[in-house]
């Protein structure tokens, strides 16, 4: 195999791994939306399943990130670059059509990462609100909710006997 064929093969491997990682991130986005729908519905029965699906998928994403790092290092070596290059640096150093392909992958990753971060933050907020609501409900069954602490959690004092003057 000559140098041009070697560069082509390494770039092709990198692109295939990047496509796989993009598919996994799309799947993560979908599963986060499912989790959000479960949270918003107020039905917690399927929440553990949705969370388990997300955790499992995150494991697969981490495995694919390792494959991407290896493929990127191979592509960098073929292009005469040092190890652990950024995708932008690889795209800049790559011949066409690979420069354009890698730039498109990078842009897709930036957009997906932003969407996933926003959705994950929203889900975390919904989970926190649900937890606070459940805690307050449980506290109201036996204790009185007197206020909130600095971290936003309800504070309660045990019910105490209150004197009520019924003659008024």
C-alpha atoms as a PDB file:
ATOM      1  CA  UNK A   1       0.000   0.000   0.000  1.00  0.00           C
ATOM      2  CA  UNK A   2       1.383   3.433  -0.851  1.00  0.00           C
ATOM      3  CA  UNK A   3       1.269   6.604   1.228  1.00  0.00           C
ATOM      4  CA  UNK A   4      -1.830   8.003  -0.496  1.00  0.00           C
ATOM      5  CA  UNK A   5      -3.751   4.756  -0.027  1.00  0.00           C
ATOM      6  CA  UNK A   6      -2.665   4.660   3.624  1.00  0.00           C
ATOM      7  CA  UNK A   7      -3.893   8.229   4.236  1.00  0.00           C
ATOM      8  CA  UNK A   8      -7.165   7.446   2.492  1.00  0.00           C
ATOM      9  CA  UNK A   9      -7.683   4.285   4.574  1.00  0.00           C
ATOM     10  CA  UNK A  10      -6.938   6.046   7.877  1.00  0.00           C
ATOM     11  CA  UNK A  11      -9.242   8.951   7.046  1.00  0.00           C
ATOM     12  CA  UNK A  12     -11.963   6.551   5.964  1.00  0.00           C
ATOM     13  CA  UNK A  13     -11.645   4.622   9.266  1.00  0.00           C
ATOM     14  CA  UNK A  14     -11.821   7.876  11.210  1.00  0.00           C
ATOM     15  CA  UNK A  15     -14.876   9.015   9.279  1.00  0.00           C
ATOM     16  CA  UNK A  16     -16.651   5.700   9.894  1.00  0.00           C
ATOM     17  CA  UNK A  17     -15.996   5.970  13.634  1.00  0.00           C
ATOM     18  CA  UNK A  18     -17.216   9.580  13.607  1.00  0.00           C
ATOM     19  CA  UNK A  19     -20.416   8.505  11.837  1.00  0.00           C
ATOM     20  CA  UNK A  20     -20.957   5.832  14.489  1.00  0.00           C
ATOM     21  CA  UNK A  21     -20.405   8.348  17.252  1.00  0.00           C
ATOM     22  CA  UNK A  22     -22.856  10.769  15.645  1.00  0.00           C
ATOM     23  CA  UNK A  23     -25.477   7.998  15.451  1.00  0.00           C
ATOM     24  CA  UNK A  24     -24.939   7.236  19.131  1.00  0.00           C
ATOM     25  CA  UNK A  25     -25.304  10.906  20.058  1.00  0.00           C
ATOM     26  CA  UNK A  26     -28.545  11.090  18.061  1.00  0.00           C
ATOM     27  CA  UNK A  27     -29.739   8.029  19.988  1.00  0.00           C
ATOM     28  CA  UNK A  28     -28.723   9.712  23.262  1.00  0.00           C
ATOM     29  CA  UNK A  29     -30.722  12.787  22.281  1.00  0.00           C
ATOM     30  CA  UNK A  30     -33.749  10.590  21.603  1.00  0.00           C
ATOM     31  CA  UNK A  31     -33.424   8.728  24.904  1.00  0.00           C
ATOM     32  CA  UNK A  32     -33.080  12.001  26.826  1.00  0.00           C
ATOM     33  CA  UNK A  33     -36.278  13.211  25.169  1.00  0.00           C
ATOM     34  CA  UNK A  34     -38.020   9.982  26.208  1.00  0.00           C
ATOM     35  CA  UNK A  35     -36.787  10.519  29.767  1.00  0.00           C
ATOM     36  CA  UNK A  36     -38.116  14.077  29.654  1.00  0.00           C
ATOM     37  CA  UNK A  37     -41.528  12.894  28.475  1.00  0.00           C
ATOM     38  CA  UNK A  38     -41.656  10.345  31.294  1.00  0.00           C
ATOM     39  CA  UNK A  39     -40.681  13.033  33.804  1.00  0.00           C
ATOM     40  CA  UNK A  40     -43.168  15.554  32.442  1.00  0.00           C
ATOM     41  CA  UNK A  41     -46.009  13.044  32.525  1.00  0.00           C
ATOM     42  CA  UNK A  42     -45.574  12.598  36.255  1.00  0.00           C
ATOM     43  CA  UNK A  43     -45.538   8.829  35.839  1.00  0.00           C
ATOM     44  CA  UNK A  44     -42.361   7.602  37.412  1.00  0.00           C
ATOM     45  CA  UNK A  45     -42.948   3.920  36.680  1.00  0.00           C
ATOM     46  CA  UNK A  46     -40.730   3.965  33.573  1.00  0.00           C
ATOM     47  CA  UNK A  47     -38.178   6.482  34.823  1.00  0.00           C
ATOM     48  CA  UNK A  48     -35.735   3.820  36.011  1.00  0.00           C
ATOM     49  CA  UNK A  49     -35.938   2.116  32.599  1.00  0.00           C
ATOM     50  CA  UNK A  50     -35.313   5.389  30.769  1.00  0.00           C
ATOM     51  CA  UNK A  51     -32.364   6.186  33.032  1.00  0.00           C
ATOM     52  CA  UNK A  52     -30.917   2.690  32.632  1.00  0.00           C
ATOM     53  CA  UNK A  53     -31.190   3.017  28.835  1.00  0.00           C
ATOM     54  CA  UNK A  54     -29.292   6.306  28.970  1.00  0.00           C
ATOM     55  CA  UNK A  55     -26.578   4.883  31.235  1.00  0.00           C
ATOM     56  CA  UNK A  56     -26.121   1.883  28.950  1.00  0.00           C
ATOM     57  CA  UNK A  57     -25.878   4.096  25.886  1.00  0.00           C
ATOM     58  CA  UNK A  58     -23.347   6.357  27.614  1.00  0.00           C
ATOM     59  CA  UNK A  59     -21.136   3.302  28.122  1.00  0.00           C
ATOM     60  CA  UNK A  60     -21.274   2.595  24.393  1.00  0.00           C
ATOM     61  CA  UNK A  61     -20.490   6.262  23.647  1.00  0.00           C
ATOM     62  CA  UNK A  62     -17.412   6.076  25.911  1.00  0.00           C
ATOM     63  CA  UNK A  63     -16.214   2.934  24.095  1.00  0.00           C
ATOM     64  CA  UNK A  64     -16.675   4.651  20.748  1.00  0.00           C
ATOM     65  CA  UNK A  65     -14.750   7.706  22.001  1.00  0.00           C
ATOM     66  CA  UNK A  66     -11.766   5.422  22.598  1.00  0.00           C
ATOM     67  CA  UNK A  67     -12.068   4.089  19.039  1.00  0.00           C
ATOM     68  CA  UNK A  68     -12.298   7.661  17.756  1.00  0.00           C
ATOM     69  CA  UNK A  69      -9.175   8.686  19.667  1.00  0.00           C
ATOM     70  CA  UNK A  70      -7.227   5.762  18.184  1.00  0.00           C
ATOM     71  CA  UNK A  71      -8.498   6.487  14.669  1.00  0.00           C
ATOM     72  CA  UNK A  72      -7.721  10.208  15.052  1.00  0.00           C
ATOM     73  CA  UNK A  73      -4.170   9.427  16.217  1.00  0.00           C
ATOM     74  CA  UNK A  74      -3.676   7.134  13.202  1.00  0.00           C
ATOM     75  CA  UNK A  75      -5.009   9.830  10.869  1.00  0.00           C
ATOM     76  CA  UNK A  76      -2.768  12.429  12.517  1.00  0.00           C
ATOM     77  CA  UNK A  77       0.268  10.190  12.125  1.00  0.00           C
ATOM     78  CA  UNK A  78      -0.560   9.617   8.434  1.00  0.00           C
ATOM     79  CA  UNK A  79      -0.838  13.400   7.978  1.00  0.00           C
ATOM     80  CA  UNK A  80       2.448  14.048   9.819  1.00  0.00           C
ATOM     81  CA  UNK A  81       0.784  15.593  12.869  1.00  0.00           C
ATOM     82  CA  UNK A  82       1.377  14.938  16.551  1.00  0.00           C
ATOM     83  CA  UNK A  83      -0.922  12.618  18.528  1.00  0.00           C
ATOM     84  CA  UNK A  84      -4.236  13.708  20.064  1.00  0.00           C
ATOM     85  CA  UNK A  85      -5.201  16.296  17.445  1.00  0.00           C
ATOM     86  CA  UNK A  86      -8.453  18.209  17.516  1.00  0.00           C
ATOM     87  CA  UNK A  87     -10.973  17.421  14.825  1.00  0.00           C
ATOM     88  CA  UNK A  88     -10.629  20.983  13.529  1.00  0.00           C
ATOM     89  CA  UNK A  89      -6.848  20.585  13.218  1.00  0.00           C
ATOM     90  CA  UNK A  90      -7.263  17.271  11.405  1.00  0.00           C
ATOM     91  CA  UNK A  91      -9.804  18.805   9.022  1.00  0.00           C
ATOM     92  CA  UNK A  92      -7.464  21.681   8.292  1.00  0.00           C
ATOM     93  CA  UNK A  93      -4.532  19.346   7.573  1.00  0.00           C
ATOM     94  CA  UNK A  94      -6.516  16.816   5.520  1.00  0.00           C
ATOM     95  CA  UNK A  95      -6.714  16.740   1.750  1.00  0.00           C
ATOM     96  CA  UNK A  96     -10.097  17.056   0.096  1.00  0.00           C
ATOM     97  CA  UNK A  97     -12.664  15.604   0.347  1.00  0.00           C
ATOM     98  CA  UNK A  98     -11.609  14.670   3.890  1.00  0.00           C
ATOM     99  CA  UNK A  99     -11.194  18.259   5.070  1.00  0.00           C
ATOM    100  CA  UNK A 100     -14.817  19.006   4.231  1.00  0.00           C
ATOM    101  CA  UNK A 101     -16.067  15.705   5.648  1.00  0.00           C
ATOM    102  CA  UNK A 102     -14.235  16.194   8.946  1.00  0.00           C
ATOM    103  CA  UNK A 103     -15.470  19.800   9.191  1.00  0.00           C
ATOM    104  CA  UNK A 104     -19.049  18.600   8.700  1.00  0.00           C
ATOM    105  CA  UNK A 105     -18.568  15.968  11.429  1.00  0.00           C
ATOM    106  CA  UNK A 106     -17.219  18.631  13.775  1.00  0.00           C
ATOM    107  CA  UNK A 107     -20.137  20.991  13.115  1.00  0.00           C
ATOM    108  CA  UNK A 108     -22.607  18.152  13.727  1.00  0.00           C
ATOM    109  CA  UNK A 109     -20.876  17.273  17.016  1.00  0.00           C
ATOM    110  CA  UNK A 110     -21.007  20.883  18.192  1.00  0.00           C
ATOM    111  CA  UNK A 111     -24.750  21.122  17.419  1.00  0.00           C
ATOM    112  CA  UNK A 112     -25.584  17.730  18.957  1.00  0.00           C
ATOM    113  CA  UNK A 113     -23.545  18.430  22.073  1.00  0.00           C
ATOM    114  CA  UNK A 114     -25.349  21.723  22.606  1.00  0.00           C
ATOM    115  CA  UNK A 115     -28.781  20.112  22.180  1.00  0.00           C
ATOM    116  CA  UNK A 116     -27.901  17.201  24.476  1.00  0.00           C
ATOM    117  CA  UNK A 117     -26.516  19.519  27.158  1.00  0.00           C
ATOM    118  CA  UNK A 118     -29.675  21.648  27.116  1.00  0.00           C
ATOM    119  CA  UNK A 119     -31.914  18.586  27.298  1.00  0.00           C
ATOM    120  CA  UNK A 120     -29.877  16.953  30.079  1.00  0.00           C
ATOM    121  CA  UNK A 121     -29.984  20.176  32.126  1.00  0.00           C
ATOM    122  CA  UNK A 122     -33.743  20.370  31.649  1.00  0.00           C
ATOM    123  CA  UNK A 123     -34.164  16.753  32.749  1.00  0.00           C
ATOM    124  CA  UNK A 124     -31.994  17.366  35.803  1.00  0.00           C
ATOM    125  CA  UNK A 125     -34.221  20.308  36.704  1.00  0.00           C
ATOM    126  CA  UNK A 126     -37.369  18.182  36.297  1.00  0.00           C
ATOM    127  CA  UNK A 127     -35.886  15.406  38.441  1.00  0.00           C
ATOM    128  CA  UNK A 128     -34.931  17.911  41.153  1.00  0.00           C
ATOM    129  CA  UNK A 129     -38.379  19.487  41.098  1.00  0.00           C
ATOM    130  CA  UNK A 130     -40.018  16.057  41.309  1.00  0.00           C
ATOM    131  CA  UNK A 131     -37.803  15.106  44.226  1.00  0.00           C
ATOM    132  CA  UNK A 132     -38.623  18.336  46.079  1.00  0.00           C
ATOM    133  CA  UNK A 133     -42.326  17.853  45.435  1.00  0.00           C
ATOM    134  CA  UNK A 134     -42.272  14.267  46.699  1.00  0.00           C
ATOM    135  CA  UNK A 135     -40.255  15.289  49.756  1.00  0.00           C
ATOM    136  CA  UNK A 136     -42.644  18.100  50.590  1.00  0.00           C
ATOM    137  CA  UNK A 137     -45.620  15.787  50.195  1.00  0.00           C
ATOM    138  CA  UNK A 138     -44.047  13.238  52.528  1.00  0.00           C
ATOM    139  CA  UNK A 139     -43.145  15.935  55.024  1.00  0.00           C
ATOM    140  CA  UNK A 140     -46.694  17.256  54.991  1.00  0.00           C
ATOM    141  CA  UNK A 141     -47.982  13.841  56.016  1.00  0.00           C
ATOM    142  CA  UNK A 142     -46.163  13.880  59.328  1.00  0.00           C
ATOM    143  CA  UNK A 143     -44.330  17.124  59.766  1.00  0.00           C
ATOM    144  CA  UNK A 144     -44.975  20.699  58.848  1.00  0.00           C
ATOM    145  CA  UNK A 145     -42.944  22.399  56.162  1.00  0.00           C
ATOM    146  CA  UNK A 146     -41.584  25.539  57.764  1.00  0.00           C
ATOM    147  CA  UNK A 147     -39.447  26.858  54.947  1.00  0.00           C
ATOM    148  CA  UNK A 148     -36.560  26.092  52.697  1.00  0.00           C
ATOM    149  CA  UNK A 149     -32.842  25.755  53.297  1.00  0.00           C
ATOM    150  CA  UNK A 150     -30.100  27.469  51.309  1.00  0.00           C
ATOM    151  CA  UNK A 151     -29.928  24.480  48.942  1.00  0.00           C
ATOM    152  CA  UNK A 152     -33.672  24.648  48.173  1.00  0.00           C
ATOM    153  CA  UNK A 153     -34.752  21.686  50.281  1.00  0.00           C
ATOM    154  CA  UNK A 154     -37.772  21.888  52.534  1.00  0.00           C
ATOM    155  CA  UNK A 155     -37.163  22.211  56.254  1.00  0.00           C
ATOM    156  CA  UNK A 156     -39.587  20.920  58.822  1.00  0.00           C
ATOM    157  CA  UNK A 157     -40.104  20.798  62.526  1.00  0.00           C
ATOM    158  CA  UNK A 158     -41.911  17.841  63.996  1.00  0.00           C
ATOM    159  CA  UNK A 159     -45.563  18.448  64.690  1.00  0.00           C
ATOM    160  CA  UNK A 160     -45.986  19.827  68.116  1.00  0.00           C
ATOM    161  CA  UNK A 161     -49.024  20.170  70.236  1.00  0.00           C
ATOM    162  CA  UNK A 162     -50.502  23.558  69.657  1.00  0.00           C
ATOM    163  CA  UNK A 163     -52.741  25.255  72.114  1.00  0.00           C
ATOM    164  CA  UNK A 164     -55.832  26.567  70.469  1.00  0.00           C
ATOM    165  CA  UNK A 165     -58.193  28.782  72.347  1.00  0.00           C
ATOM    166  CA  UNK A 166     -61.563  27.640  70.986  1.00  0.00           C
ATOM    167  CA  UNK A 167     -63.475  30.234  72.995  1.00  0.00           C
ATOM    168  CA  UNK A 168     -62.592  32.958  70.550  1.00  0.00           C
END
